[in-house]
Protein backbone atom coordinates (compact mmCIF):
# COMPACT_ATOMS: atom_id res chain seq x y z
CA MET A 1 23.44 55.03 27.31
CA THR A 2 21.09 53.36 29.75
CA THR A 3 21.84 49.80 30.63
CA LEU A 4 19.56 46.81 30.61
CA PRO A 5 17.13 47.19 33.55
CA THR A 6 17.69 44.82 36.43
CA ASP A 7 14.13 43.54 36.27
CA ALA A 8 14.33 42.56 32.60
CA ARG A 9 13.26 38.99 31.90
CA PRO A 10 15.63 36.65 30.07
CA ALA A 11 14.74 35.91 26.49
CA ARG A 12 12.71 32.76 26.00
CA ARG A 13 14.96 29.80 25.30
CA THR A 14 13.38 28.94 21.96
CA THR A 15 16.33 29.48 19.65
CA PRO A 16 17.64 26.13 18.33
CA TYR A 17 21.28 27.08 18.72
CA GLY A 18 22.18 23.41 18.58
CA ALA A 19 20.76 23.24 15.06
CA LEU A 20 22.89 26.20 14.00
CA THR A 21 25.99 24.57 15.46
CA ALA A 22 25.18 21.29 13.72
CA ALA A 23 24.73 23.07 10.37
CA VAL A 24 28.06 24.86 10.74
CA GLN A 25 29.83 21.64 11.69
CA GLU A 26 28.22 19.72 8.81
CA ALA A 27 29.55 22.39 6.45
CA GLY A 28 33.05 21.64 7.75
CA LEU A 29 33.57 25.12 9.16
CA MET A 30 34.92 23.92 12.51
CA ARG A 31 37.71 21.88 10.92
CA ARG A 32 41.27 23.07 11.43
CA ARG A 33 42.91 25.01 8.59
CA THR A 34 46.49 24.23 9.53
CA GLY A 35 47.81 24.67 5.99
CA HIS A 36 46.27 28.14 5.80
CA TYR A 37 47.84 29.11 9.11
CA TRP A 38 51.29 27.84 8.13
CA GLY A 39 51.04 29.98 5.01
CA ARG A 40 49.99 32.99 7.04
CA ILE A 41 52.78 32.42 9.56
CA ALA A 42 55.34 32.19 6.73
CA ALA A 43 54.05 35.35 5.01
CA THR A 44 54.06 37.32 8.27
CA THR A 45 57.57 36.12 9.09
CA LEU A 46 58.80 37.18 5.64
CA ALA A 47 57.18 40.60 6.10
CA PHE A 48 58.89 40.90 9.48
CA ALA A 49 62.25 40.01 7.94
CA ALA A 50 61.73 42.60 5.19
CA VAL A 51 60.98 45.33 7.73
CA VAL A 52 64.03 44.41 9.79
CA ALA A 53 66.18 44.46 6.65
CA GLY A 54 64.82 47.89 5.73
CA THR A 55 65.56 49.17 9.22
CA VAL A 56 69.15 47.92 9.01
CA LEU A 57 69.67 49.53 5.59
CA LEU A 58 68.30 52.89 6.76
CA ARG A 59 69.88 52.82 10.21
CA ASP A 60 72.14 55.85 9.57
CA SER A 61 69.30 58.05 8.33
CA TRP A 62 66.19 59.52 9.90
CA LEU A 63 64.35 57.83 7.04
CA VAL A 64 64.55 54.75 9.25
CA LEU A 65 61.40 56.07 10.95
CA LEU A 66 59.53 55.03 7.80
CA THR A 67 59.92 51.40 8.87
CA ALA A 68 58.51 51.92 12.38
CA ALA A 69 54.85 51.86 11.33
CA PRO A 70 55.26 48.79 9.08
CA LEU A 71 56.93 47.02 12.02
CA ALA A 72 53.88 47.83 14.15
CA LEU A 73 51.54 46.43 11.48
CA VAL A 74 53.54 43.21 11.24
CA LEU A 75 53.60 42.78 15.02
CA THR A 76 49.84 43.36 15.05
CA GLN A 77 49.54 40.43 12.64
CA PHE A 78 51.59 38.31 15.06
CA ALA A 79 49.24 39.45 17.85
CA PHE A 80 46.27 38.27 15.77
CA LEU A 81 47.95 34.88 15.37
CA GLY A 82 48.44 34.80 19.15
CA HIS A 83 44.72 35.49 19.53
CA ASP A 84 43.88 32.64 17.16
CA GLY A 85 46.15 30.26 19.03
CA ALA A 86 44.59 31.25 22.35
CA HIS A 87 41.20 30.33 20.86
CA ARG A 88 42.53 26.90 19.76
CA GLN A 89 42.02 27.77 16.10
CA ILE A 90 45.42 26.88 14.64
CA PHE A 91 46.41 23.36 15.70
CA ALA A 92 44.49 20.28 16.76
CA THR A 93 46.10 20.01 20.20
CA HIS A 94 45.78 22.26 23.23
CA ARG A 95 49.53 22.18 23.77
CA GLY A 96 50.30 23.20 20.19
CA ASN A 97 47.90 26.12 20.29
CA GLU A 98 49.12 27.29 23.69
CA TRP A 99 52.76 27.33 22.64
CA ALA A 100 51.89 29.07 19.39
CA ALA A 101 49.95 31.72 21.31
CA ARG A 102 52.82 32.23 23.78
CA ILE A 103 55.39 32.62 21.02
CA PHE A 104 53.30 35.03 18.96
CA ALA A 105 52.03 37.03 21.93
CA ALA A 106 54.90 37.05 24.43
CA LEU A 107 58.07 36.52 22.41
CA LEU A 108 57.19 38.35 19.19
CA THR A 109 54.70 40.97 20.43
CA GLY A 110 55.81 41.38 24.04
CA LEU A 111 52.39 40.76 25.62
CA SER A 112 51.66 38.16 28.30
CA TYR A 113 49.65 35.16 27.10
CA GLY A 114 48.34 34.49 30.62
CA TRP A 115 47.21 38.09 31.06
CA TRP A 116 45.48 38.04 27.70
CA MET A 117 43.71 34.73 28.37
CA GLY A 118 42.23 35.92 31.66
CA LYS A 119 41.11 39.25 30.23
CA HIS A 120 39.76 37.86 26.97
CA THR A 121 37.98 34.90 28.52
CA ARG A 122 35.91 37.24 30.72
CA HIS A 123 35.09 39.31 27.66
CA HIS A 124 33.81 36.30 25.72
CA GLN A 125 31.77 35.05 28.67
CA ALA A 126 29.89 38.31 29.07
CA PRO A 127 30.66 40.90 26.36
CA ASN A 128 29.73 44.49 27.29
CA LYS A 129 28.45 43.44 30.71
CA LEU A 130 29.06 45.85 33.58
CA GLY A 131 31.26 44.43 36.29
CA THR A 132 32.48 41.51 34.17
CA ASP A 133 33.87 42.67 30.84
CA THR A 134 37.02 44.64 31.63
CA ASP A 135 37.18 45.83 28.02
CA ILE A 136 34.53 48.44 28.85
CA GLU A 137 36.34 49.66 31.97
CA SER A 138 38.91 52.42 31.58
CA ASP A 139 40.37 55.22 33.69
CA VAL A 140 40.48 57.48 30.64
CA VAL A 141 37.53 56.68 28.34
CA SER A 142 33.97 56.21 29.64
CA PHE A 143 32.39 53.38 27.66
CA HIS A 144 29.07 53.57 29.53
CA GLY A 145 26.98 56.12 31.41
CA GLU A 146 27.79 54.70 34.84
CA ALA A 147 31.48 55.52 34.32
CA ALA A 148 30.77 58.97 32.87
CA ALA A 149 28.53 59.97 35.78
CA GLY A 150 31.41 59.93 38.26
CA ARG A 151 33.65 62.32 36.31
CA LYS A 152 34.36 65.76 37.76
CA GLY A 153 36.14 68.96 36.81
CA LEU A 154 38.44 68.91 33.79
CA LEU A 155 37.94 65.17 33.34
CA ARG A 156 34.17 65.71 33.13
CA TRP A 157 34.68 68.37 30.44
CA ALA A 158 36.99 66.08 28.48
CA THR A 159 34.57 63.16 28.84
CA ALA A 160 31.76 65.20 27.26
CA LYS A 161 33.87 65.37 24.09
CA GLN A 162 35.62 62.02 24.49
CA GLY A 163 34.54 60.73 21.09
CA TRP A 164 36.89 63.21 19.45
CA TRP A 165 39.72 62.26 21.81
CA PHE A 166 39.29 58.54 21.32
CA TRP A 167 41.23 58.09 18.10
CA PRO A 168 44.25 60.18 19.18
CA LEU A 169 44.22 58.24 22.47
CA LEU A 170 44.56 55.01 20.50
CA THR A 171 48.16 56.01 19.80
CA LEU A 172 48.77 55.35 23.52
CA ALA A 173 46.89 52.04 23.53
CA GLY A 174 50.00 50.03 22.68
CA LEU A 175 51.89 51.35 25.70
CA ASN A 176 48.83 50.73 27.86
CA LEU A 177 48.58 47.11 26.69
CA HIS A 178 52.22 46.48 27.56
CA ALA A 179 51.84 48.21 30.94
CA ASP A 180 48.74 46.16 31.84
CA SER A 181 50.51 42.98 30.81
CA VAL A 182 53.56 43.71 32.97
CA ARG A 183 51.45 44.81 35.96
CA THR A 184 49.47 41.59 35.85
CA MET A 185 52.60 39.47 35.78
CA ILE A 186 54.19 41.39 38.66
CA LYS A 187 51.07 40.94 40.76
CA GLY A 188 51.06 37.21 40.02
CA ARG A 189 47.72 37.21 38.19
CA ALA A 190 48.97 36.11 34.77
CA GLY A 191 47.87 32.48 35.15
CA LYS A 192 49.88 29.27 35.12
CA ARG A 193 53.39 29.15 33.67
CA ARG A 194 53.87 32.84 34.40
CA TRP A 195 57.62 32.30 34.37
CA ILE A 196 57.45 31.24 30.70
CA ASP A 197 55.65 34.44 29.73
CA THR A 198 58.09 36.46 31.82
CA SER A 199 61.12 34.85 30.19
CA LEU A 200 59.78 35.33 26.66
CA ILE A 201 58.87 38.96 27.31
CA VAL A 202 62.29 39.70 28.81
CA VAL A 203 63.91 38.25 25.68
CA HIS A 204 61.57 40.32 23.48
CA TRP A 205 62.44 43.63 25.14
CA ALA A 206 66.13 42.83 25.53
CA VAL A 207 66.49 42.15 21.81
CA TYR A 208 64.29 45.10 20.81
CA ALA A 209 65.98 47.65 23.08
CA SER A 210 69.46 46.44 22.16
CA ALA A 211 68.67 46.66 18.46
CA LEU A 212 67.36 50.22 18.82
CA VAL A 213 70.40 51.46 20.74
CA LEU A 214 73.07 49.61 18.78
CA LEU A 215 71.59 50.17 15.32
CA LEU A 216 69.98 53.60 15.61
CA GLY A 217 71.55 55.27 18.59
CA PRO A 218 69.68 56.88 21.51
CA ALA A 219 67.96 59.73 19.62
CA ARG A 220 66.79 57.86 16.53
CA GLY A 221 66.08 54.80 18.68
CA ALA A 222 63.75 56.78 20.95
CA ALA A 223 62.00 58.37 17.97
CA PHE A 224 61.61 54.96 16.31
CA PHE A 225 60.13 53.52 19.51
CA GLY A 226 57.64 56.40 19.76
CA VAL A 227 56.41 56.03 16.17
CA HIS A 228 56.29 52.26 16.49
CA MET A 229 54.25 52.30 19.72
CA ALA A 230 51.82 54.91 18.36
CA ALA A 231 51.24 52.88 15.20
CA PHE A 232 50.93 49.64 17.18
CA GLY A 233 48.32 51.16 19.48
CA PHE A 234 46.33 52.53 16.59
CA SER A 235 46.43 49.30 14.57
CA MET A 236 45.46 47.14 17.57
CA GLY A 237 42.82 49.53 18.88
CA GLY A 238 41.45 50.18 15.42
CA ALA A 239 40.90 46.44 14.97
CA PHE A 240 39.22 45.83 18.34
CA ALA A 241 37.20 49.02 18.96
CA PRO A 242 34.65 48.59 16.13
CA ASN A 243 33.65 45.16 17.43
CA HIS A 244 31.75 46.25 20.56
CA VAL A 245 32.11 49.99 21.28
CA GLY A 246 28.71 51.59 20.79
CA MET A 247 26.81 48.31 21.03
CA PRO A 248 24.34 47.62 23.86
CA ILE A 249 25.60 47.56 27.44
CA VAL A 250 24.28 44.78 29.70
CA ALA A 251 23.43 45.67 33.32
CA ARG A 252 25.20 43.86 36.15
CA GLU A 253 22.20 41.84 37.31
CA ALA A 254 20.64 41.21 33.89
CA LYS A 255 20.26 37.67 32.59
CA VAL A 256 20.45 37.27 28.82
CA ASP A 257 20.49 33.99 26.90
CA TYR A 258 23.76 33.00 25.22
CA ILE A 259 23.00 33.75 21.60
CA ARG A 260 21.43 37.17 22.22
CA ARG A 261 24.25 38.08 24.60
CA GLN A 262 26.81 37.36 21.87
CA VAL A 263 24.97 38.70 18.81
CA LEU A 264 23.35 41.86 20.16
CA THR A 265 26.56 43.21 21.70
CA SER A 266 28.71 42.56 18.62
CA ARG A 267 29.17 44.49 15.38
CA ASN A 268 30.43 43.02 12.10
CA ILE A 269 32.46 45.11 9.68
CA SER A 270 31.80 44.61 5.97
CA GLY A 271 34.56 44.46 3.38
CA GLY A 272 36.82 42.11 1.51
CA TRP A 273 40.26 40.59 2.04
CA PHE A 274 41.88 43.88 3.08
CA VAL A 275 39.46 44.38 5.98
CA ASP A 276 39.99 40.72 6.93
CA LEU A 277 43.74 41.39 6.99
CA VAL A 278 43.88 44.63 8.97
CA MET A 279 41.28 43.42 11.48
CA GLY A 280 42.67 39.90 11.81
CA GLY A 281 39.30 38.36 10.96
CA LEU A 282 37.70 40.14 13.91
CA ASN A 283 35.48 42.00 11.45
CA HIS A 284 33.39 38.80 11.61
CA GLN A 285 32.82 39.48 15.29
CA VAL A 286 29.34 37.95 15.56
CA GLU A 287 30.50 34.62 14.12
CA HIS A 288 33.68 34.70 16.22
CA HIS A 289 31.70 35.16 19.43
CA LEU A 290 29.27 32.38 18.57
CA PHE A 291 32.07 29.99 17.53
CA PRO A 292 35.30 31.16 19.24
CA SER A 293 37.34 28.13 18.15
CA MET A 294 36.31 28.39 14.49
CA PRO A 295 39.43 29.00 12.35
CA ARG A 296 39.66 32.59 11.17
CA PRO A 297 39.45 31.77 7.42
CA ASN A 298 36.10 29.99 7.96
CA LEU A 299 34.32 32.89 9.65
CA ARG A 300 33.19 34.54 6.39
CA ALA A 301 31.64 31.27 5.20
CA ALA A 302 29.74 30.95 8.51
CA ARG A 303 28.18 34.41 8.09
CA PRO A 304 25.19 33.31 5.89
CA PHE A 305 24.30 30.57 8.39
CA VAL A 306 24.27 33.06 11.27
CA GLN A 307 22.43 35.76 9.32
CA ARG A 308 19.70 33.31 8.34
CA PHE A 309 19.42 32.04 11.92
CA CYS A 310 19.09 35.58 13.30
CA ALA A 311 16.50 36.56 10.69
CA GLU A 312 14.41 33.47 11.48
CA HIS A 313 14.47 34.19 15.22
CA GLY A 314 14.10 37.96 15.21
CA ILE A 315 17.58 38.72 16.51
CA SER A 316 19.16 41.94 15.29
CA TYR A 317 22.37 41.27 13.34
CA THR A 318 24.56 44.37 13.06
CA GLU A 319 26.95 44.88 10.17
CA THR A 320 28.33 48.15 8.83
CA SER A 321 31.34 49.57 7.02
CA LEU A 322 34.61 50.36 8.79
CA ALA A 323 34.16 54.09 8.17
CA ARG A 324 30.59 54.01 9.48
CA SER A 325 31.67 52.11 12.59
CA PHE A 326 34.31 54.78 13.33
CA ALA A 327 31.66 57.52 13.01
CA ASP A 328 29.27 55.56 15.24
CA ILE A 329 31.98 55.13 17.89
CA VAL A 330 32.67 58.88 17.99
CA ALA A 331 28.96 59.72 18.25
CA TYR A 332 28.34 57.05 20.90
CA LEU A 333 31.23 58.08 23.13
CA ASN A 334 30.23 61.74 22.93
CA GLN A 335 26.69 60.76 23.90
CA VAL A 336 27.95 58.67 26.80
CA GLY A 337 29.86 61.74 27.98
CA ILE A 338 26.58 63.49 28.72
CA ALA A 339 24.66 60.33 29.67
CA ALA A 340 24.28 61.36 33.32
CA ARG A 341 22.16 64.34 32.23
CA ASP A 342 20.49 62.90 29.17
CA PRO A 343 20.13 59.10 29.21
CA PHE A 344 19.07 57.39 26.02
CA SER A 345 17.54 54.04 25.29
CA CYS A 346 19.53 50.90 24.74
CA PRO A 347 18.70 48.64 21.74
CA LEU A 348 19.14 45.54 23.90
CA VAL A 349 16.21 46.58 26.08
CA GLY A 350 13.87 46.62 23.10
CA GLN A 351 15.19 43.30 21.86
CA LEU A 352 14.52 41.54 25.15
CA ARG A 353 11.14 43.16 25.84
CA ALA A 354 9.96 42.08 22.41
CA ALA A 355 11.19 38.53 22.90
């Protein structure tokens, strides 16, 4: 996929984004939904307790592996709550949201809050932009033609078919997230209060590892850990990948106005409450990027406001089904794999040239 040319002109600043923000605020969609979040926290905690109880009951049988995937799904829900806290969506105060995010992310999920904040803030500032958004940089998967062009030998062959490898590789995404989190903390780049994250993560892994060994024994414990990590990687990656993979890539030097930068690089996923649940509300990715601190349960209600705004100002608003997004990701990544030989046009170029 070709990137936005370096000589592209920024879109004219004629979009009344302030009017859109005012309309959303007037509709009450920026107000905190603390009651909703307390209910969600309680339901997720009960689900966690049920999974733990099931694991204890099945501890002497290999059937205990049946609880590993549900545990991963519950921890993914805690990770989503950590994401919401990091975006100041849950409570009215900065301190309340930060502590909620640390507890959900570090203590319950085992991922550093400081690491996540640094990584995710850069993503929101410039989604899909080369040299800025680390979500499109990987040593394994090439998310853009620039990365694919440097591959050689066996890696080049694998990259040409990387779309088909992507979903199996998601089973390793959970381990990769934990490894990145730990590396960042060791290098001292996990932000302020790194010692808090470190302490919470140590407690997380100490309790988890002890429970596996004492309850299940070494063999079943190792098998449980493997199934759990594979399911965790797939559930986390499956929720985040559809949001931006396959959407336009922005060149390093390109200047794009805020609303086009957020809307044109994001993909919404259609569906009802089940899609909202498994994707943690991130299926409303366009609305989330335009209003990051909007509480998750309000994103669906903001969708008509944003769709109308985009239609009035000629901005392409992308929404598709979950199955279609998976197919698009496979096709896109396979095309990126041969991008060095056969570049193809980027939708963002047409959007900005027409503006």
